[in-house]
Amino acid sequence: MNHDVKAISSRLITLTENIILLIIGLATLYATGVEVMRLIASREVALSDLFLLFIYAEVLGMVGAFYKSHRIPVTLPIIIAITALCRMIILQSKDIDPINILFEAGGILILAIAALLISYKDKLSLEKLKLRRHDD
């Protein structure tokens, strides 16, 4: 009986996760379409618009990566956060105190270092896995 509850719970969580990711993917596609239509209507493209489209592409890539490997690489959300901070700096750079730009740039630096460390950790983990397989 306990095994059945665990199996049903696991299936329910997996189904819910897939539904949420499907909604995220569809909402991102919709938002991309709305943004592209706005760009066409205004006949003007700013750098912040390109960053927004890049964020949408990264979100879709993250959803695609999950469906492909059933896991989300931690570096993808970090890259999305870096892109979002860059976009925020571009949008607000004329209207905010320069110290805030430095704080946001510091946030980008911290996120970039975190992505670098995670990449190195993943490479080391893969090398350890290869060594274990070689020893077996």
C-alpha atoms as a PDB file:
ATOM      1  CA  MET A   1       0.000   0.000   0.000  1.00  0.00           C
ATOM      2  CA  ASN A   2       2.795   2.434   0.946  1.00  0.00           C
ATOM      3  CA  HIS A   3       4.555   1.679  -2.374  1.00  0.00           C
ATOM      4  CA  ASP A   4       1.335   2.528  -4.290  1.00  0.00           C
ATOM      5  CA  VAL A   5       1.035   5.913  -2.546  1.00  0.00           C
ATOM      6  CA  LYS A   6       4.663   6.722  -3.374  1.00  0.00           C
ATOM      7  CA  ALA A   7       4.197   5.692  -7.019  1.00  0.00           C
ATOM      8  CA  ILE A   8       1.000   7.736  -7.387  1.00  0.00           C
ATOM      9  CA  SER A   9       2.615  10.724  -5.660  1.00  0.00           C
ATOM     10  CA  SER A  10       5.634  10.500  -7.924  1.00  0.00           C
ATOM     11  CA  ARG A  11       3.461  10.325 -11.062  1.00  0.00           C
ATOM     12  CA  LEU A  12       1.342  13.255  -9.845  1.00  0.00           C
ATOM     13  CA  ILE A  13       4.421  15.390  -9.203  1.00  0.00           C
ATOM     14  CA  THR A  14       5.892  14.488 -12.610  1.00  0.00           C
ATOM     15  CA  LEU A  15       2.599  15.260 -14.354  1.00  0.00           C
ATOM     16  CA  THR A  16       2.267  18.581 -12.521  1.00  0.00           C
ATOM     17  CA  GLU A  17       5.841  19.496 -13.391  1.00  0.00           C
ATOM     18  CA  ASN A  18       5.221  18.723 -17.072  1.00  0.00           C
ATOM     19  CA  ILE A  19       2.005  20.753 -17.104  1.00  0.00           C
ATOM     20  CA  ILE A  20       3.734  23.745 -15.487  1.00  0.00           C
ATOM     21  CA  LEU A  21       6.621  23.542 -17.969  1.00  0.00           C
ATOM     22  CA  LEU A  22       4.152  23.304 -20.854  1.00  0.00           C
ATOM     23  CA  ILE A  23       2.373  26.421 -19.564  1.00  0.00           C
ATOM     24  CA  ILE A  24       5.729  28.232 -19.224  1.00  0.00           C
ATOM     25  CA  GLY A  25       6.658  27.235 -22.784  1.00  0.00           C
ATOM     26  CA  LEU A  26       3.303  28.305 -24.247  1.00  0.00           C
ATOM     27  CA  ALA A  27       3.280  31.570 -22.273  1.00  0.00           C
ATOM     28  CA  THR A  28       6.819  32.309 -23.471  1.00  0.00           C
ATOM     29  CA  LEU A  29       5.843  31.645 -27.084  1.00  0.00           C
ATOM     30  CA  TYR A  30       2.820  33.926 -26.667  1.00  0.00           C
ATOM     31  CA  ALA A  31       4.914  36.682 -25.062  1.00  0.00           C
ATOM     32  CA  THR A  32       7.459  36.367 -27.865  1.00  0.00           C
ATOM     33  CA  GLY A  33       4.711  36.705 -30.472  1.00  0.00           C
ATOM     34  CA  VAL A  34       3.274  39.773 -28.725  1.00  0.00           C
ATOM     35  CA  GLU A  35       6.746  41.355 -28.530  1.00  0.00           C
ATOM     36  CA  VAL A  36       7.503  40.642 -32.194  1.00  0.00           C
ATOM     37  CA  MET A  37       4.142  42.120 -33.225  1.00  0.00           C
ATOM     38  CA  ARG A  38       4.898  45.231 -31.130  1.00  0.00           C
ATOM     39  CA  LEU A  39       8.290  45.568 -32.816  1.00  0.00           C
ATOM     40  CA  ILE A  40       6.711  45.254 -36.255  1.00  0.00           C
ATOM     41  CA  ALA A  41       3.999  47.786 -35.401  1.00  0.00           C
ATOM     42  CA  SER A  42       6.466  50.318 -33.975  1.00  0.00           C
ATOM     43  CA  ARG A  43       9.052  49.635 -36.716  1.00  0.00           C
ATOM     44  CA  GLU A  44      11.682  50.239 -34.080  1.00  0.00           C
ATOM     45  CA  VAL A  45      14.004  47.861 -32.253  1.00  0.00           C
ATOM     46  CA  ALA A  46      15.982  48.880 -29.180  1.00  0.00           C
ATOM     47  CA  LEU A  47      18.748  46.939 -27.467  1.00  0.00           C
ATOM     48  CA  SER A  48      16.430  46.242 -24.520  1.00  0.00           C
ATOM     49  CA  ASP A  49      13.967  44.612 -26.952  1.00  0.00           C
ATOM     50  CA  LEU A  50      16.686  42.266 -28.175  1.00  0.00           C
ATOM     51  CA  PHE A  51      17.615  41.378 -24.592  1.00  0.00           C
ATOM     52  CA  LEU A  52      13.944  40.578 -23.898  1.00  0.00           C
ATOM     53  CA  LEU A  53      13.751  38.296 -26.926  1.00  0.00           C
ATOM     54  CA  PHE A  54      17.000  36.665 -25.833  1.00  0.00           C
ATOM     55  CA  ILE A  55      15.486  36.017 -22.385  1.00  0.00           C
ATOM     56  CA  TYR A  56      12.482  34.396 -24.043  1.00  0.00           C
ATOM     57  CA  ALA A  57      14.802  32.213 -26.151  1.00  0.00           C
ATOM     58  CA  GLU A  58      16.715  31.172 -23.023  1.00  0.00           C
ATOM     59  CA  VAL A  59      13.501  30.272 -21.188  1.00  0.00           C
ATOM     60  CA  LEU A  60      12.403  28.135 -24.129  1.00  0.00           C
ATOM     61  CA  GLY A  61      15.859  26.546 -24.172  1.00  0.00           C
ATOM     62  CA  MET A  62      15.531  25.748 -20.479  1.00  0.00           C
ATOM     63  CA  VAL A  63      12.127  24.120 -21.010  1.00  0.00           C
ATOM     64  CA  GLY A  64      13.538  22.191 -23.984  1.00  0.00           C
ATOM     65  CA  ALA A  65      16.540  21.065 -21.946  1.00  0.00           C
ATOM     66  CA  PHE A  66      14.225  19.717 -19.268  1.00  0.00           C
ATOM     67  CA  TYR A  67      12.152  17.727 -21.760  1.00  0.00           C
ATOM     68  CA  LYS A  68      15.333  16.353 -23.328  1.00  0.00           C
ATOM     69  CA  SER A  69      17.209  15.351 -20.169  1.00  0.00           C
ATOM     70  CA  HIS A  70      14.565  15.604 -17.414  1.00  0.00           C
ATOM     71  CA  ARG A  71      16.726  18.086 -15.546  1.00  0.00           C
ATOM     72  CA  ILE A  72      17.399  21.793 -15.786  1.00  0.00           C
ATOM     73  CA  PRO A  73      21.071  22.746 -15.863  1.00  0.00           C
ATOM     74  CA  VAL A  74      21.625  25.249 -13.046  1.00  0.00           C
ATOM     75  CA  THR A  75      23.628  27.523 -15.317  1.00  0.00           C
ATOM     76  CA  LEU A  76      20.627  28.301 -17.551  1.00  0.00           C
ATOM     77  CA  PRO A  77      18.623  30.213 -14.912  1.00  0.00           C
ATOM     78  CA  ILE A  78      21.832  32.014 -13.932  1.00  0.00           C
ATOM     79  CA  ILE A  79      22.354  33.117 -17.545  1.00  0.00           C
ATOM     80  CA  ILE A  80      18.732  34.259 -17.715  1.00  0.00           C
ATOM     81  CA  ALA A  81      19.253  36.290 -14.527  1.00  0.00           C
ATOM     82  CA  ILE A  82      22.414  37.876 -15.983  1.00  0.00           C
ATOM     83  CA  THR A  83      20.556  38.811 -19.165  1.00  0.00           C
ATOM     84  CA  ALA A  84      17.653  40.243 -17.152  1.00  0.00           C
ATOM     85  CA  LEU A  85      20.039  42.379 -15.074  1.00  0.00           C
ATOM     86  CA  CYS A  86      21.745  43.634 -18.250  1.00  0.00           C
ATOM     87  CA  ARG A  87      18.359  44.562 -19.686  1.00  0.00           C
ATOM     88  CA  MET A  88      17.420  46.340 -16.464  1.00  0.00           C
ATOM     89  CA  ILE A  89      20.645  48.368 -16.544  1.00  0.00           C
ATOM     90  CA  ILE A  90      19.961  49.385 -20.148  1.00  0.00           C
ATOM     91  CA  LEU A  91      16.353  50.369 -19.399  1.00  0.00           C
ATOM     92  CA  GLN A  92      17.095  52.312 -16.224  1.00  0.00           C
ATOM     93  CA  SER A  93      20.634  53.622 -16.728  1.00  0.00           C
ATOM     94  CA  LYS A  94      19.574  57.216 -17.411  1.00  0.00           C
ATOM     95  CA  ASP A  95      17.133  57.509 -14.534  1.00  0.00           C
ATOM     96  CA  ILE A  96      18.893  55.861 -11.579  1.00  0.00           C
ATOM     97  CA  ASP A  97      21.682  56.702  -9.205  1.00  0.00           C
ATOM     98  CA  PRO A  98      25.066  55.513 -10.556  1.00  0.00           C
ATOM     99  CA  ILE A  99      25.705  53.510  -7.372  1.00  0.00           C
ATOM    100  CA  ASN A 100      22.696  51.331  -8.245  1.00  0.00           C
ATOM    101  CA  ILE A 101      24.259  50.551 -11.612  1.00  0.00           C
ATOM    102  CA  LEU A 102      27.383  49.423  -9.759  1.00  0.00           C
ATOM    103  CA  PHE A 103      25.283  47.196  -7.493  1.00  0.00           C
ATOM    104  CA  GLU A 104      23.549  45.651 -10.509  1.00  0.00           C
ATOM    105  CA  ALA A 105      26.900  45.158 -12.257  1.00  0.00           C
ATOM    106  CA  GLY A 106      28.170  43.528  -9.049  1.00  0.00           C
ATOM    107  CA  GLY A 107      25.178  41.193  -9.181  1.00  0.00           C
ATOM    108  CA  ILE A 108      26.093  40.263 -12.745  1.00  0.00           C
ATOM    109  CA  LEU A 109      29.673  39.571 -11.670  1.00  0.00           C
ATOM    110  CA  ILE A 110      28.534  37.364  -8.766  1.00  0.00           C
ATOM    111  CA  LEU A 111      26.195  35.418 -11.062  1.00  0.00           C
ATOM    112  CA  ALA A 112      28.934  35.012 -13.685  1.00  0.00           C
ATOM    113  CA  ILE A 113      31.343  33.670 -11.060  1.00  0.00           C
ATOM    114  CA  ALA A 114      28.643  31.286  -9.816  1.00  0.00           C
ATOM    115  CA  ALA A 115      28.047  30.010 -13.369  1.00  0.00           C
ATOM    116  CA  LEU A 116      31.781  29.533 -13.843  1.00  0.00           C
ATOM    117  CA  LEU A 117      32.147  27.613 -10.579  1.00  0.00           C
ATOM    118  CA  ILE A 118      29.165  25.402 -11.399  1.00  0.00           C
ATOM    119  CA  SER A 119      30.618  24.686 -14.853  1.00  0.00           C
ATOM    120  CA  TYR A 120      33.924  23.639 -13.302  1.00  0.00           C
ATOM    121  CA  LYS A 121      32.097  21.482 -10.746  1.00  0.00           C
ATOM    122  CA  ASP A 122      30.166  19.753 -13.546  1.00  0.00           C
ATOM    123  CA  LYS A 123      33.378  19.111 -15.494  1.00  0.00           C
ATOM    124  CA  LEU A 124      35.073  17.666 -12.413  1.00  0.00           C
ATOM    125  CA  SER A 125      32.047  15.468 -11.721  1.00  0.00           C
ATOM    126  CA  LEU A 126      32.100  14.152 -15.291  1.00  0.00           C
ATOM    127  CA  GLU A 127      35.819  13.430 -15.041  1.00  0.00           C
ATOM    128  CA  LYS A 128      35.260  11.525 -11.774  1.00  0.00           C
ATOM    129  CA  LEU A 129      32.467   9.541 -13.409  1.00  0.00           C
ATOM    130  CA  LYS A 130      34.732   8.648 -16.350  1.00  0.00           C
ATOM    131  CA  LEU A 131      37.471   7.546 -13.954  1.00  0.00           C
ATOM    132  CA  ARG A 132      35.020   5.347 -12.028  1.00  0.00           C
ATOM    133  CA  ARG A 133      33.814   3.720 -15.255  1.00  0.00           C
ATOM    134  CA  HIS A 134      37.390   3.184 -16.357  1.00  0.00           C
ATOM    135  CA  ASP A 135      38.251   1.513 -13.014  1.00  0.00           C
ATOM    136  CA  ASP A 136      35.272  -0.885 -13.276  1.00  0.00           C
END
